[in-house]
Amino acid sequence: MLKSKEKRYEFIRFCVVGVVASGLHYGAYYLLQTKIDVNVAYTVGYLISLICNFFLTSYLTFHSSPSIRKALGFGGSHLINYLIHLSFLNLFLYLGISKVLAPVLVLAIAVPINFILLRWVFKHKNK
């Protein structure tokens, strides 16, 4: 029972950190998307949020110290996540969804996938 409760709180912390990181990502994207290419604006926002997200995920979500191994795993999982983001962003734009709403819809798909990947990175023990 305790493990289930711990996992639930871990996911809640993940979501709070994700809201902060997503706010940074979306804020940068929103400010830049009228001035530069949408994909470049999205990428700049993603990179800003990525740096903040690594440290918040380490310390707050998984109560773990940052390390090179975790940074590499984090980067790898976010590379996968980034490709998911861009793929769905462009799909939604192609389907006629607005440039303002499309990134919000992308999050609904990408967040659960990213949690699973990051949980493995931060909880997996080297043997």
Protein backbone atom coordinates (compact mmCIF):
# COMPACT_ATOMS: atom_id res chain seq x y z
CA MET A 1 0.00 0.00 0.00
CA LEU A 2 2.79 2.40 0.90
CA LYS A 3 4.53 1.93 -2.45
CA SER A 4 1.31 2.77 -4.26
CA LYS A 5 0.93 5.96 -2.22
CA GLU A 6 4.59 6.87 -2.81
CA LYS A 7 4.17 6.38 -6.56
CA ARG A 8 1.07 8.56 -6.54
CA TYR A 9 2.92 11.40 -4.77
CA GLU A 10 5.85 10.93 -7.12
CA PHE A 11 3.54 11.36 -10.09
CA ILE A 12 1.97 14.45 -8.49
CA ARG A 13 5.44 15.98 -8.00
CA PHE A 14 6.26 15.05 -11.60
CA CYS A 15 3.14 16.89 -12.76
CA VAL A 16 3.97 20.00 -10.70
CA VAL A 17 7.52 20.09 -12.10
CA GLY A 18 6.05 19.47 -15.54
CA VAL A 19 3.69 22.42 -15.18
CA VAL A 20 6.63 24.70 -14.33
CA ALA A 21 8.73 23.36 -17.22
CA SER A 22 5.79 23.45 -19.61
CA GLY A 23 5.03 27.02 -18.57
CA LEU A 24 8.59 28.01 -19.43
CA HIS A 25 8.40 26.07 -22.70
CA TYR A 26 5.04 27.45 -23.75
CA GLY A 27 5.88 31.00 -22.61
CA ALA A 28 9.04 31.11 -24.70
CA TYR A 29 7.23 29.50 -27.65
CA TYR A 30 4.34 31.95 -27.43
CA LEU A 31 6.63 34.98 -27.31
CA LEU A 32 8.76 33.76 -30.22
CA GLN A 33 6.25 32.08 -32.58
CA THR A 34 5.20 35.35 -34.19
CA LYS A 35 8.80 36.43 -34.80
CA ILE A 36 10.56 33.24 -35.95
CA ASP A 37 9.72 29.86 -37.48
CA VAL A 38 7.30 27.83 -35.33
CA ASN A 39 9.67 24.84 -35.08
CA VAL A 40 12.59 27.06 -34.02
CA ALA A 41 10.41 28.83 -31.45
CA TYR A 42 9.24 25.47 -30.12
CA THR A 43 12.82 24.19 -29.92
CA VAL A 44 14.10 27.26 -28.06
CA GLY A 45 11.30 26.92 -25.53
CA TYR A 46 11.99 23.21 -25.19
CA LEU A 47 15.70 23.79 -24.48
CA ILE A 48 14.97 26.44 -21.84
CA SER A 49 12.54 24.13 -20.08
CA LEU A 50 14.86 21.13 -20.44
CA ILE A 51 17.61 22.64 -18.29
CA CYS A 52 15.21 23.72 -15.56
CA ASN A 53 13.36 20.42 -15.77
CA PHE A 54 16.46 18.26 -15.20
CA PHE A 55 17.28 19.85 -11.87
CA LEU A 56 13.68 20.05 -10.66
CA THR A 57 13.08 16.43 -11.68
CA SER A 58 16.24 15.30 -9.91
CA TYR A 59 15.68 17.10 -6.64
CA LEU A 60 11.91 17.44 -6.33
CA THR A 61 10.31 14.61 -8.28
CA PHE A 62 12.61 11.68 -7.58
CA HIS A 63 14.58 13.02 -4.57
CA SER A 64 17.80 12.17 -6.33
CA SER A 65 21.13 13.87 -6.87
CA PRO A 66 21.94 14.85 -10.44
CA SER A 67 24.68 12.78 -12.08
CA ILE A 68 26.22 12.39 -15.51
CA ARG A 69 24.44 9.05 -15.99
CA LYS A 70 21.09 10.60 -15.07
CA ALA A 71 21.75 13.63 -17.25
CA LEU A 72 22.48 11.36 -20.21
CA GLY A 73 19.36 9.27 -19.53
CA PHE A 74 17.33 12.43 -19.05
CA GLY A 75 18.68 13.82 -22.31
CA GLY A 76 17.92 10.57 -24.14
CA SER A 77 14.38 10.38 -22.82
CA HIS A 78 13.83 14.01 -23.72
CA LEU A 79 15.19 13.48 -27.21
CA ILE A 80 12.51 10.82 -27.66
CA ASN A 81 9.98 13.16 -26.05
CA TYR A 82 11.08 16.06 -28.28
CA LEU A 83 10.53 13.96 -31.41
CA ILE A 84 7.08 13.01 -30.12
CA HIS A 85 6.36 16.71 -29.46
CA LEU A 86 7.43 17.91 -32.90
CA SER A 87 5.67 15.05 -34.69
CA PHE A 88 2.35 15.73 -33.01
CA LEU A 89 2.78 19.52 -33.19
CA ASN A 90 3.17 19.31 -36.96
CA LEU A 91 0.35 16.77 -37.27
CA PHE A 92 -2.01 19.04 -35.34
CA LEU A 93 -0.94 22.08 -37.37
CA TYR A 94 -1.50 20.07 -40.58
CA LEU A 95 -4.99 19.17 -39.31
CA GLY A 96 -5.74 22.89 -38.95
CA ILE A 97 -5.46 23.23 -35.19
CA SER A 98 -4.22 26.69 -34.20
CA LYS A 99 -0.56 27.38 -33.41
CA VAL A 100 -1.66 28.47 -29.94
CA LEU A 101 -3.70 25.34 -29.06
CA ALA A 102 -1.59 22.64 -30.75
CA PRO A 103 1.23 22.61 -28.12
CA VAL A 104 -1.32 22.14 -25.34
CA LEU A 105 -2.74 19.06 -27.09
CA VAL A 106 0.78 17.71 -27.59
CA LEU A 107 1.28 17.68 -23.82
CA ALA A 108 -1.65 15.31 -23.29
CA ILE A 109 0.16 12.72 -25.37
CA ALA A 110 3.76 13.36 -24.36
CA VAL A 111 3.47 13.70 -20.56
CA PRO A 112 2.56 10.08 -19.70
CA ILE A 113 5.24 8.73 -22.03
CA ASN A 114 7.85 11.04 -20.53
CA PHE A 115 6.95 10.04 -16.94
CA ILE A 116 7.52 6.37 -17.72
CA LEU A 117 10.86 7.08 -19.39
CA LEU A 118 12.11 9.39 -16.63
CA ARG A 119 10.97 7.11 -13.82
CA TRP A 120 13.13 4.40 -15.31
CA VAL A 121 16.12 6.79 -15.64
CA PHE A 122 15.95 8.01 -12.05
CA LYS A 123 14.90 4.76 -10.36
CA HIS A 124 16.92 2.23 -12.37
CA LYS A 125 19.90 0.92 -10.44
CA ASN A 126 23.13 0.05 -12.25
CA LYS A 127 24.03 -3.57 -11.61
